[in-house]
Amino acid sequence: MPALSSRLIPRLAWLFLTFVGRTSRIRWHRLDLRQKCDTEQRSFIYAFWHGRQVFFPWVYRKTDSYTIVSKSKDGEYIARVIELSGMGTVRGSSSRGGMRAFMELKEKLDEGKVVGVTPDGPRGPFHAIAPGVIHLAQMTGKVILPITYSARFKLIFHNWDCFWVPLPFNSFVVGYGRPMKISPDDNVESKS
């Protein structure tokens, strides 16, 4: 039964996300910032809050990008949904397999790929930036591009990350923040 659920739950989740995406409208805020990163940087780091991750596999489906996902049971489901979207995953977190995942993300960036991280995941605290993303940007010389979305209709789970699950027939705004460059001599602690 666990093997069946590990295949079935991600497929159902991906079908739901596809339904949400196909029945909804997306407006883009500051798309020029992402386009500039696409043309000038080609390889960069998306940073998004843990509670806002659900819609991004649909938004970035079939792109050559990689997202870090924890090695937990929930992480296994999330990784399968991301892989069903046509994107790749790197498995690990600060508590399990973190250094290996960090080095794999670095390799992907060195290969010219785009990677996505949740600076406050997988356990928080809420909207607090862990130093890993700063170190990654500093070590690779890649910019961090903040990204988020808002949704008119959503379920909000009142756990540590205020997790959002967007609903069908929705109206979204996907927005980008100013890209951040971390130089090798920057003080990492002051940036987190």
N, C-alpha and C. Protein backbone atom coordinates (compact mmCIF):
# COMPACT_ATOMS: atom_id res chain seq x y z
N MET A 1 0.80 -1.22 0.00
CA MET A 1 0.00 0.00 0.00
C MET A 1 0.85 1.28 0.00
N PRO A 2 1.93 1.36 0.81
CA PRO A 2 2.75 2.58 0.76
C PRO A 2 3.30 2.86 -0.62
N ALA A 3 3.71 1.81 -1.36
CA ALA A 3 4.25 2.03 -2.71
C ALA A 3 3.18 2.59 -3.63
N LEU A 4 1.94 2.11 -3.46
CA LEU A 4 0.83 2.62 -4.27
C LEU A 4 0.56 4.08 -3.94
N SER A 5 0.51 4.41 -2.65
CA SER A 5 0.23 5.80 -2.28
C SER A 5 1.36 6.73 -2.71
N SER A 6 2.61 6.24 -2.69
CA SER A 6 3.72 7.10 -3.10
C SER A 6 3.68 7.42 -4.59
N ARG A 7 2.98 6.60 -5.36
CA ARG A 7 2.80 6.90 -6.79
C ARG A 7 1.49 7.64 -7.04
N LEU A 8 0.44 7.27 -6.30
CA LEU A 8 -0.90 7.81 -6.55
C LEU A 8 -1.04 9.25 -6.05
N ILE A 9 -0.58 9.52 -4.82
CA ILE A 9 -0.77 10.86 -4.23
C ILE A 9 -0.10 11.94 -5.08
N PRO A 10 1.17 11.76 -5.50
CA PRO A 10 1.77 12.80 -6.36
C PRO A 10 1.03 12.99 -7.68
N ARG A 11 0.54 11.90 -8.28
CA ARG A 11 -0.20 12.03 -9.55
C ARG A 11 -1.50 12.80 -9.35
N LEU A 12 -2.19 12.51 -8.26
CA LEU A 12 -3.43 13.26 -7.96
C LEU A 12 -3.12 14.73 -7.69
N ALA A 13 -2.04 14.98 -6.96
CA ALA A 13 -1.64 16.36 -6.68
C ALA A 13 -1.30 17.10 -7.98
N TRP A 14 -0.58 16.41 -8.90
CA TRP A 14 -0.23 17.05 -10.16
C TRP A 14 -1.47 17.30 -11.02
N LEU A 15 -2.41 16.37 -11.03
CA LEU A 15 -3.67 16.58 -11.75
C LEU A 15 -4.43 17.77 -11.19
N PHE A 16 -4.45 17.88 -9.87
CA PHE A 16 -5.11 19.02 -9.23
C PHE A 16 -4.42 20.33 -9.62
N LEU A 17 -3.09 20.36 -9.55
CA LEU A 17 -2.35 21.57 -9.93
C LEU A 17 -2.59 21.95 -11.39
N THR A 18 -2.65 20.95 -12.24
CA THR A 18 -2.92 21.19 -13.66
C THR A 18 -4.30 21.79 -13.84
N PHE A 19 -5.27 21.27 -13.11
CA PHE A 19 -6.63 21.82 -13.16
C PHE A 19 -6.65 23.26 -12.67
N VAL A 20 -5.95 23.52 -11.58
CA VAL A 20 -5.86 24.89 -11.06
C VAL A 20 -5.24 25.80 -12.12
N GLY A 21 -4.12 25.39 -12.68
CA GLY A 21 -3.42 26.21 -13.66
C GLY A 21 -4.22 26.48 -14.91
N ARG A 22 -4.91 25.45 -15.42
CA ARG A 22 -5.66 25.60 -16.66
C ARG A 22 -6.95 26.39 -16.50
N THR A 23 -7.46 26.49 -15.29
CA THR A 23 -8.71 27.22 -15.07
C THR A 23 -8.48 28.60 -14.48
N SER A 24 -7.22 29.00 -14.40
CA SER A 24 -6.89 30.26 -13.73
C SER A 24 -6.17 31.22 -14.66
N ARG A 25 -6.14 32.47 -14.24
CA ARG A 25 -5.45 33.52 -14.99
C ARG A 25 -4.23 33.96 -14.19
N ILE A 26 -3.11 34.16 -14.87
CA ILE A 26 -1.89 34.62 -14.21
C ILE A 26 -1.50 35.98 -14.77
N ARG A 27 -1.26 36.92 -13.86
CA ARG A 27 -0.67 38.21 -14.23
C ARG A 27 0.74 38.21 -13.66
N TRP A 28 1.65 38.85 -14.37
CA TRP A 28 3.05 38.88 -13.96
C TRP A 28 3.42 40.27 -13.45
N HIS A 29 4.11 40.31 -12.33
CA HIS A 29 4.58 41.57 -11.77
C HIS A 29 6.10 41.59 -11.82
N ARG A 30 6.65 42.58 -12.47
CA ARG A 30 8.09 42.76 -12.64
C ARG A 30 8.72 41.59 -13.39
N LEU A 31 8.02 41.12 -14.41
CA LEU A 31 8.54 40.06 -15.27
C LEU A 31 9.86 40.47 -15.92
N ASP A 32 10.05 41.78 -16.10
CA ASP A 32 11.29 42.27 -16.69
C ASP A 32 12.52 41.85 -15.87
N LEU A 33 12.34 41.72 -14.55
CA LEU A 33 13.46 41.31 -13.70
C LEU A 33 13.88 39.87 -14.00
N ARG A 34 12.88 39.00 -14.19
CA ARG A 34 13.22 37.61 -14.54
C ARG A 34 13.80 37.53 -15.94
N GLN A 35 13.22 38.28 -16.87
CA GLN A 35 13.73 38.25 -18.25
C GLN A 35 15.17 38.74 -18.31
N LYS A 36 15.49 39.72 -17.49
CA LYS A 36 16.86 40.23 -17.44
C LYS A 36 17.81 39.14 -16.91
N CYS A 37 17.37 38.42 -15.87
CA CYS A 37 18.18 37.30 -15.36
C CYS A 37 18.33 36.21 -16.41
N ASP A 38 17.24 35.94 -17.14
CA ASP A 38 17.30 34.92 -18.20
C ASP A 38 18.34 35.27 -19.26
N THR A 39 18.36 36.53 -19.66
CA THR A 39 19.26 36.92 -20.76
C THR A 39 20.67 37.23 -20.29
N GLU A 40 20.81 37.88 -19.14
CA GLU A 40 22.13 38.31 -18.69
C GLU A 40 22.84 37.27 -17.83
N GLN A 41 22.07 36.55 -17.01
CA GLN A 41 22.68 35.60 -16.09
C GLN A 41 22.57 34.16 -16.59
N ARG A 42 21.44 33.84 -17.19
CA ARG A 42 21.08 32.49 -17.64
C ARG A 42 20.96 31.50 -16.49
N SER A 43 21.86 31.53 -15.56
CA SER A 43 21.84 30.64 -14.40
C SER A 43 21.72 31.51 -13.15
N PHE A 44 20.71 31.22 -12.33
CA PHE A 44 20.49 32.02 -11.13
C PHE A 44 19.72 31.20 -10.12
N ILE A 45 19.44 31.79 -8.96
CA ILE A 45 18.80 31.09 -7.84
C ILE A 45 17.45 31.74 -7.56
N TYR A 46 16.36 30.99 -7.76
CA TYR A 46 15.05 31.45 -7.32
C TYR A 46 14.96 31.24 -5.82
N ALA A 47 14.45 32.24 -5.09
CA ALA A 47 14.21 32.09 -3.66
C ALA A 47 12.74 32.40 -3.39
N PHE A 48 12.05 31.45 -2.77
CA PHE A 48 10.62 31.62 -2.47
C PHE A 48 10.34 31.02 -1.10
N TRP A 49 9.37 31.59 -0.41
CA TRP A 49 9.04 31.12 0.94
C TRP A 49 8.43 29.72 0.89
N HIS A 50 8.70 28.95 1.91
CA HIS A 50 8.25 27.56 2.00
C HIS A 50 6.73 27.45 1.85
N GLY A 51 6.00 28.37 2.43
CA GLY A 51 4.55 28.32 2.39
C GLY A 51 3.94 28.66 1.04
N ARG A 52 4.75 29.14 0.11
CA ARG A 52 4.25 29.54 -1.20
C ARG A 52 4.79 28.67 -2.33
N GLN A 53 5.18 27.45 -2.05
CA GLN A 53 5.82 26.63 -3.06
C GLN A 53 4.86 25.90 -3.99
N VAL A 54 3.61 25.71 -3.58
CA VAL A 54 2.70 24.78 -4.28
C VAL A 54 2.48 25.11 -5.75
N PHE A 55 2.33 26.36 -6.10
CA PHE A 55 1.95 26.70 -7.47
C PHE A 55 3.13 26.73 -8.44
N PHE A 56 4.35 26.81 -7.92
CA PHE A 56 5.51 26.96 -8.81
C PHE A 56 5.79 25.77 -9.73
N PRO A 57 5.52 24.53 -9.34
CA PRO A 57 5.70 23.46 -10.33
C PRO A 57 4.83 23.65 -11.58
N TRP A 58 3.66 24.24 -11.42
CA TRP A 58 2.83 24.51 -12.60
C TRP A 58 3.41 25.68 -13.40
N VAL A 59 3.77 26.76 -12.70
CA VAL A 59 4.29 27.95 -13.37
C VAL A 59 5.55 27.63 -14.18
N TYR A 60 6.43 26.78 -13.63
CA TYR A 60 7.71 26.50 -14.28
C TYR A 60 7.80 25.08 -14.84
N ARG A 61 6.64 24.51 -15.14
CA ARG A 61 6.63 23.15 -15.70
C ARG A 61 7.45 23.10 -16.98
N LYS A 62 8.06 21.96 -17.20
CA LYS A 62 8.85 21.69 -18.41
C LYS A 62 9.99 22.68 -18.61
N THR A 63 10.56 23.16 -17.53
CA THR A 63 11.75 24.02 -17.65
C THR A 63 12.94 23.26 -17.10
N ASP A 64 14.10 23.62 -17.56
CA ASP A 64 15.33 22.96 -17.14
C ASP A 64 15.81 23.60 -15.84
N SER A 65 15.02 23.39 -14.78
CA SER A 65 15.37 23.96 -13.48
C SER A 65 15.26 22.88 -12.41
N TYR A 66 15.90 23.14 -11.29
CA TYR A 66 15.99 22.16 -10.19
C TYR A 66 15.60 22.83 -8.89
N THR A 67 14.88 22.09 -8.06
CA THR A 67 14.45 22.60 -6.77
C THR A 67 14.94 21.67 -5.67
N ILE A 68 15.41 22.25 -4.59
CA ILE A 68 15.83 21.43 -3.46
C ILE A 68 14.59 20.98 -2.68
N VAL A 69 14.54 19.71 -2.34
CA VAL A 69 13.41 19.12 -1.62
C VAL A 69 13.97 18.24 -0.51
N SER A 70 13.38 18.33 0.66
CA SER A 70 13.89 17.55 1.80
C SER A 70 13.74 16.05 1.56
N LYS A 71 14.45 15.28 2.36
CA LYS A 71 14.41 13.82 2.24
C LYS A 71 13.32 13.20 3.11
N SER A 72 12.40 14.00 3.60
CA SER A 72 11.31 13.50 4.44
C SER A 72 10.27 12.76 3.59
N LYS A 73 9.29 12.16 4.26
CA LYS A 73 8.20 11.48 3.55
C LYS A 73 7.40 12.50 2.73
N ASP A 74 7.07 13.65 3.33
CA ASP A 74 6.38 14.71 2.59
C ASP A 74 7.24 15.17 1.42
N GLY A 75 8.54 15.25 1.65
CA GLY A 75 9.46 15.65 0.59
C GLY A 75 9.43 14.70 -0.59
N GLU A 76 9.23 13.42 -0.31
CA GLU A 76 9.15 12.42 -1.39
C GLU A 76 7.96 12.72 -2.30
N TYR A 77 6.82 13.04 -1.70
CA TYR A 77 5.63 13.40 -2.48
C TYR A 77 5.89 14.66 -3.30
N ILE A 78 6.47 15.66 -2.65
CA ILE A 78 6.75 16.93 -3.33
C ILE A 78 7.72 16.70 -4.50
N ALA A 79 8.76 15.91 -4.26
CA ALA A 79 9.74 15.64 -5.32
C ALA A 79 9.07 14.98 -6.52
N ARG A 80 8.16 14.06 -6.28
CA ARG A 80 7.49 13.37 -7.39
C ARG A 80 6.58 14.33 -8.16
N VAL A 81 5.92 15.24 -7.46
CA VAL A 81 5.08 16.24 -8.14
C VAL A 81 5.96 17.12 -9.03
N ILE A 82 7.08 17.56 -8.49
CA ILE A 82 8.00 18.41 -9.26
C ILE A 82 8.52 17.65 -10.49
N GLU A 83 8.85 16.38 -10.31
CA GLU A 83 9.34 15.59 -11.44
C GLU A 83 8.24 15.37 -12.48
N LEU A 84 6.99 15.21 -12.03
CA LEU A 84 5.87 15.10 -12.97
C LEU A 84 5.68 16.39 -13.76
N SER A 85 6.11 17.52 -13.18
CA SER A 85 6.00 18.80 -13.88
C SER A 85 7.08 18.97 -14.94
N GLY A 86 8.05 18.06 -14.96
CA GLY A 86 9.12 18.16 -15.95
C GLY A 86 10.36 18.88 -15.44
N MET A 87 10.37 19.21 -14.15
CA MET A 87 11.56 19.84 -13.56
C MET A 87 12.35 18.79 -12.79
N GLY A 88 13.53 19.15 -12.35
CA GLY A 88 14.37 18.23 -11.59
C GLY A 88 14.39 18.59 -10.12
N THR A 89 14.88 17.66 -9.31
CA THR A 89 15.00 17.90 -7.87
C THR A 89 16.40 17.58 -7.39
N VAL A 90 16.76 18.21 -6.30
CA VAL A 90 17.96 17.90 -5.55
C VAL A 90 17.46 17.59 -4.15
N ARG A 91 17.82 16.43 -3.61
CA ARG A 91 17.25 16.00 -2.33
C ARG A 91 18.20 16.29 -1.18
N GLY A 92 17.67 16.93 -0.13
CA GLY A 92 18.43 17.21 1.07
C GLY A 92 17.89 18.44 1.77
N SER A 93 18.30 18.64 3.01
CA SER A 93 17.88 19.81 3.79
C SER A 93 18.93 20.07 4.85
N SER A 94 18.71 21.11 5.63
CA SER A 94 19.69 21.46 6.66
C SER A 94 19.85 20.35 7.69
N SER A 95 18.81 19.53 7.88
CA SER A 95 18.88 18.48 8.90
C SER A 95 19.27 17.12 8.34
N ARG A 96 19.20 16.95 7.00
CA ARG A 96 19.48 15.63 6.42
C ARG A 96 20.05 15.78 5.01
N GLY A 97 21.29 15.44 4.83
CA GLY A 97 21.90 15.48 3.50
C GLY A 97 22.16 16.87 2.98
N GLY A 98 22.31 17.83 3.89
CA GLY A 98 22.43 19.23 3.49
C GLY A 98 23.68 19.56 2.68
N MET A 99 24.83 19.06 3.12
CA MET A 99 26.08 19.39 2.42
C MET A 99 26.10 18.79 1.02
N ARG A 100 25.63 17.56 0.90
CA ARG A 100 25.59 16.91 -0.41
C ARG A 100 24.63 17.67 -1.35
N ALA A 101 23.47 18.06 -0.81
CA ALA A 101 22.50 18.82 -1.62
C ALA A 101 23.08 20.17 -2.02
N PHE A 102 23.79 20.82 -1.10
CA PHE A 102 24.42 22.11 -1.39
C PHE A 102 25.40 21.97 -2.56
N MET A 103 26.22 20.93 -2.52
CA MET A 103 27.20 20.73 -3.58
C MET A 103 26.53 20.38 -4.91
N GLU A 104 25.42 19.66 -4.84
CA GLU A 104 24.69 19.32 -6.07
C GLU A 104 24.06 20.58 -6.67
N LEU A 105 23.51 21.45 -5.81
CA LEU A 105 22.96 22.73 -6.31
C LEU A 105 24.07 23.56 -6.96
N LYS A 106 25.24 23.57 -6.33
CA LYS A 106 26.38 24.31 -6.89
C LYS A 106 26.74 23.75 -8.27
N GLU A 107 26.76 22.42 -8.40
CA GLU A 107 27.05 21.80 -9.69
C GLU A 107 26.04 22.21 -10.75
N LYS A 108 24.76 22.21 -10.37
CA LYS A 108 23.71 22.59 -11.33
C LYS A 108 23.92 24.03 -11.79
N LEU A 109 24.24 24.92 -10.85
CA LEU A 109 24.48 26.32 -11.21
C LEU A 109 25.72 26.45 -12.10
N ASP A 110 26.76 25.70 -11.77
CA ASP A 110 27.98 25.72 -12.59
C ASP A 110 27.71 25.22 -14.00
N GLU A 111 26.72 24.32 -14.15
CA GLU A 111 26.34 23.80 -15.47
C GLU A 111 25.43 24.77 -16.24
N GLY A 112 25.06 25.89 -15.59
CA GLY A 112 24.21 26.87 -16.26
C GLY A 112 22.73 26.67 -16.03
N LYS A 113 22.38 25.87 -15.02
CA LYS A 113 20.96 25.63 -14.72
C LYS A 113 20.43 26.69 -13.76
N VAL A 114 19.12 26.71 -13.63
CA VAL A 114 18.43 27.55 -12.64
C VAL A 114 18.01 26.64 -11.49
N VAL A 115 18.20 27.11 -10.26
CA VAL A 115 17.79 26.32 -9.10
C VAL A 115 16.81 27.13 -8.24
N GLY A 116 15.97 26.41 -7.51
CA GLY A 116 15.01 27.04 -6.61
C GLY A 116 15.22 26.57 -5.19
N VAL A 117 15.17 27.50 -4.25
CA VAL A 117 15.34 27.16 -2.83
C VAL A 117 14.29 27.89 -1.99
N THR A 118 14.00 27.29 -0.84
CA THR A 118 13.14 27.95 0.15
C THR A 118 14.04 28.37 1.31
N PRO A 119 14.39 29.64 1.39
CA PRO A 119 15.34 30.08 2.42
C PRO A 119 14.87 29.84 3.85
N ASP A 120 13.56 29.70 4.06
CA ASP A 120 13.05 29.46 5.41
C ASP A 120 12.64 28.00 5.63
N GLY A 121 12.90 27.13 4.66
CA GLY A 121 12.47 25.74 4.79
C GLY A 121 13.62 24.85 5.22
N PRO A 122 13.31 23.63 5.64
CA PRO A 122 11.98 23.04 5.69
C PRO A 122 11.25 23.21 7.02
N ARG A 123 11.89 23.89 8.00
CA ARG A 123 11.26 23.97 9.32
C ARG A 123 11.13 25.38 9.88
N GLY A 124 11.56 26.36 9.16
CA GLY A 124 11.45 27.72 9.67
C GLY A 124 12.71 28.15 10.40
N PRO A 125 12.59 29.21 11.15
CA PRO A 125 11.37 29.96 11.47
C PRO A 125 10.79 30.70 10.25
N PHE A 126 9.53 31.06 10.39
CA PHE A 126 8.74 31.69 9.35
C PHE A 126 9.45 32.91 8.77
N HIS A 127 9.67 32.88 7.46
CA HIS A 127 10.27 33.99 6.70
C HIS A 127 11.62 34.45 7.25
N ALA A 128 12.35 33.52 7.87
CA ALA A 128 13.73 33.81 8.30
C ALA A 128 14.67 33.15 7.29
N ILE A 129 15.63 33.89 6.82
CA ILE A 129 16.53 33.38 5.78
C ILE A 129 17.68 32.61 6.42
N ALA A 130 17.74 31.31 6.10
CA ALA A 130 18.87 30.50 6.55
C ALA A 130 20.08 30.86 5.70
N PRO A 131 21.28 30.71 6.22
CA PRO A 131 22.47 31.17 5.49
C PRO A 131 22.81 30.36 4.24
N GLY A 132 22.22 29.18 4.06
CA GLY A 132 22.58 28.32 2.92
C GLY A 132 22.46 29.00 1.58
N VAL A 133 21.35 29.70 1.34
CA VAL A 133 21.13 30.35 0.04
C VAL A 133 22.15 31.47 -0.17
N ILE A 134 22.50 32.16 0.90
CA ILE A 134 23.49 33.24 0.81
C ILE A 134 24.86 32.65 0.47
N HIS A 135 25.24 31.57 1.15
CA HIS A 135 26.52 30.91 0.86
C HIS A 135 26.56 30.40 -0.58
N LEU A 136 25.42 29.84 -1.05
CA LEU A 136 25.36 29.31 -2.41
C LEU A 136 25.59 30.42 -3.43
N ALA A 137 24.92 31.54 -3.22
CA ALA A 137 25.09 32.68 -4.13
C ALA A 137 26.52 33.22 -4.07
N GLN A 138 27.06 33.27 -2.88
CA GLN A 138 28.41 33.80 -2.70
C GLN A 138 29.45 32.89 -3.36
N MET A 139 29.28 31.59 -3.19
CA MET A 139 30.25 30.63 -3.72
C MET A 139 30.19 30.54 -5.25
N THR A 140 29.00 30.69 -5.82
CA THR A 140 28.85 30.51 -7.27
C THR A 140 28.89 31.81 -8.05
N GLY A 141 28.69 32.94 -7.36
CA GLY A 141 28.62 34.22 -8.05
C GLY A 141 27.29 34.45 -8.76
N LYS A 142 26.30 33.60 -8.47
CA LYS A 142 24.98 33.73 -9.11
C LYS A 142 24.08 34.65 -8.30
N VAL A 143 23.16 35.32 -8.98
CA VAL A 143 22.24 36.21 -8.28
C VAL A 143 21.09 35.40 -7.69
N ILE A 144 20.51 35.96 -6.64
CA ILE A 144 19.29 35.42 -6.03
C ILE A 144 18.13 36.25 -6.55
N LEU A 145 17.14 35.59 -7.15
CA LEU A 145 15.96 36.27 -7.65
C LEU A 145 14.76 35.88 -6.78
N PRO A 146 14.29 36.80 -5.92
CA PRO A 146 13.12 36.48 -5.10
C PRO A 146 11.87 36.35 -5.98
N ILE A 147 11.02 35.40 -5.62
CA ILE A 147 9.77 35.18 -6.36
C ILE A 147 8.68 34.81 -5.36
N THR A 148 7.48 35.25 -5.64
CA THR A 148 6.33 34.88 -4.82
C THR A 148 5.08 34.92 -5.69
N TYR A 149 3.97 34.53 -5.13
CA TYR A 149 2.69 34.68 -5.84
C TYR A 149 1.60 34.99 -4.85
N SER A 150 0.56 35.62 -5.35
CA SER A 150 -0.67 35.79 -4.57
C SER A 150 -1.77 35.09 -5.34
N ALA A 151 -2.78 34.65 -4.62
CA ALA A 151 -3.90 33.95 -5.22
C ALA A 151 -5.19 34.45 -4.59
N ARG A 152 -6.17 34.68 -5.41
CA ARG A 152 -7.44 35.18 -4.89
C ARG A 152 -8.13 34.13 -4.01
N PHE A 153 -8.11 32.87 -4.47
CA PHE A 153 -8.77 31.78 -3.74
C PHE A 153 -7.73 30.75 -3.31
N LYS A 154 -7.69 30.48 -2.03
CA LYS A 154 -6.70 29.53 -1.51
C LYS A 154 -7.13 28.98 -0.16
N LEU A 155 -6.62 27.81 0.12
CA LEU A 155 -6.70 27.26 1.48
C LEU A 155 -5.42 27.65 2.17
N ILE A 156 -5.53 28.11 3.41
CA ILE A 156 -4.34 28.47 4.18
C ILE A 156 -4.27 27.57 5.40
N PHE A 157 -3.18 26.83 5.50
CA PHE A 157 -2.97 25.97 6.65
C PHE A 157 -2.18 26.76 7.68
N HIS A 158 -2.71 26.86 8.87
CA HIS A 158 -2.09 27.70 9.90
C HIS A 158 -1.05 26.92 10.69
N ASN A 159 -0.06 26.42 9.96
CA ASN A 159 1.09 25.78 10.58
C ASN A 159 2.24 26.79 10.56
N TRP A 160 3.47 26.34 10.78
CA TRP A 160 4.57 27.29 10.94
C TRP A 160 4.79 28.16 9.70
N ASP A 161 4.50 27.63 8.49
CA ASP A 161 4.81 28.39 7.28
C ASP A 161 3.60 29.02 6.61
N CYS A 162 2.41 28.92 7.23
CA CYS A 162 1.18 29.47 6.62
C CYS A 162 1.02 28.94 5.20
N PHE A 163 1.06 27.64 5.04
CA PHE A 163 1.09 26.97 3.75
C PHE A 163 -0.16 27.26 2.93
N TRP A 164 0.03 27.70 1.68
CA TRP A 164 -1.08 28.01 0.78
C TRP A 164 -1.30 26.88 -0.22
N VAL A 165 -2.56 26.53 -0.41
CA VAL A 165 -2.96 25.63 -1.50
C VAL A 165 -3.95 26.40 -2.35
N PRO A 166 -3.55 26.84 -3.54
CA PRO A 166 -4.46 27.61 -4.40
C PRO A 166 -5.56 26.72 -4.96
N LEU A 167 -6.68 27.34 -5.25
CA LEU A 167 -7.86 26.63 -5.73
C LEU A 167 -8.10 26.92 -7.22
N PRO A 168 -8.92 26.08 -7.87
CA PRO A 168 -9.21 26.30 -9.30
C PRO A 168 -10.01 27.59 -9.54
N PHE A 169 -10.09 27.98 -10.81
CA PHE A 169 -10.84 29.16 -11.26
C PHE A 169 -10.35 30.39 -10.49
N ASN A 170 -9.08 30.58 -10.53
CA ASN A 170 -8.41 31.54 -9.67
C ASN A 170 -7.83 32.69 -10.48
N SER A 171 -7.33 33.66 -9.75
CA SER A 171 -6.61 34.77 -10.33
C SER A 171 -5.30 34.91 -9.55
N PHE A 172 -4.17 34.78 -10.25
CA PHE A 172 -2.86 34.81 -9.62
C PHE A 172 -2.08 36.04 -10.06
N VAL A 173 -1.21 36.48 -9.18
CA VAL A 173 -0.15 37.41 -9.55
C VAL A 173 1.15 36.74 -9.14
N VAL A 174 2.03 36.53 -10.11
CA VAL A 174 3.36 35.99 -9.84
C VAL A 174 4.32 37.17 -9.95
N GLY A 175 5.06 37.42 -8.87
CA GLY A 175 5.92 38.60 -8.85
C GLY A 175 7.36 38.29 -8.49
N TYR A 176 8.24 39.13 -8.98
CA TYR A 176 9.69 38.99 -8.77
C TYR A 176 10.21 40.19 -8.01
N GLY A 177 11.20 39.93 -7.16
CA GLY A 177 11.88 41.01 -6.45
C GLY A 177 13.20 41.34 -7.13
N ARG A 178 13.85 42.37 -6.63
CA ARG A 178 15.12 42.81 -7.19
C ARG A 178 16.18 41.72 -7.01
N PRO A 179 16.88 41.34 -8.09
CA PRO A 179 17.95 40.33 -7.96
C PRO A 179 19.03 40.81 -7.01
N MET A 180 19.55 39.89 -6.20
CA MET A 180 20.58 40.22 -5.21
C MET A 180 21.88 39.50 -5.54
N LYS A 181 22.94 40.24 -5.59
CA LYS A 181 24.28 39.68 -5.83
C LYS A 181 25.04 39.71 -4.51
N ILE A 182 25.63 38.59 -4.15
CA ILE A 182 26.42 38.51 -2.92
C ILE A 182 27.88 38.35 -3.33
N SER A 183 28.69 39.31 -2.96
CA SER A 183 30.10 39.22 -3.36
C SER A 183 30.88 38.37 -2.36
N PRO A 184 32.02 37.82 -2.77
CA PRO A 184 32.80 36.92 -1.90
C PRO A 184 33.22 37.55 -0.57
N ASP A 185 33.39 38.86 -0.53
CA ASP A 185 33.82 39.48 0.72
C ASP A 185 32.67 40.03 1.56
N ASP A 186 31.40 39.80 1.13
CA ASP A 186 30.26 40.21 1.94
C ASP A 186 30.19 39.37 3.21
N ASN A 187 29.71 39.99 4.28
CA ASN A 187 29.49 39.28 5.53
C ASN A 187 28.16 38.53 5.42
N VAL A 188 28.23 37.19 5.38
CA VAL A 188 27.05 36.36 5.17
C VAL A 188 26.03 36.55 6.29
N GLU A 189 26.49 36.65 7.54
CA GLU A 189 25.56 36.78 8.66
C GLU A 189 24.73 38.06 8.55
N SER A 190 25.31 39.12 8.01
CA SER A 190 24.56 40.38 7.89
C SER A 190 23.51 40.31 6.79
N LYS A 191 23.62 39.34 5.87
CA LYS A 191 22.67 39.23 4.75
C LYS A 191 21.50 38.32 5.08
N SER A 192 21.61 37.48 6.14
CA SER A 192 20.52 36.54 6.42
C SER A 192 19.52 37.10 7.40
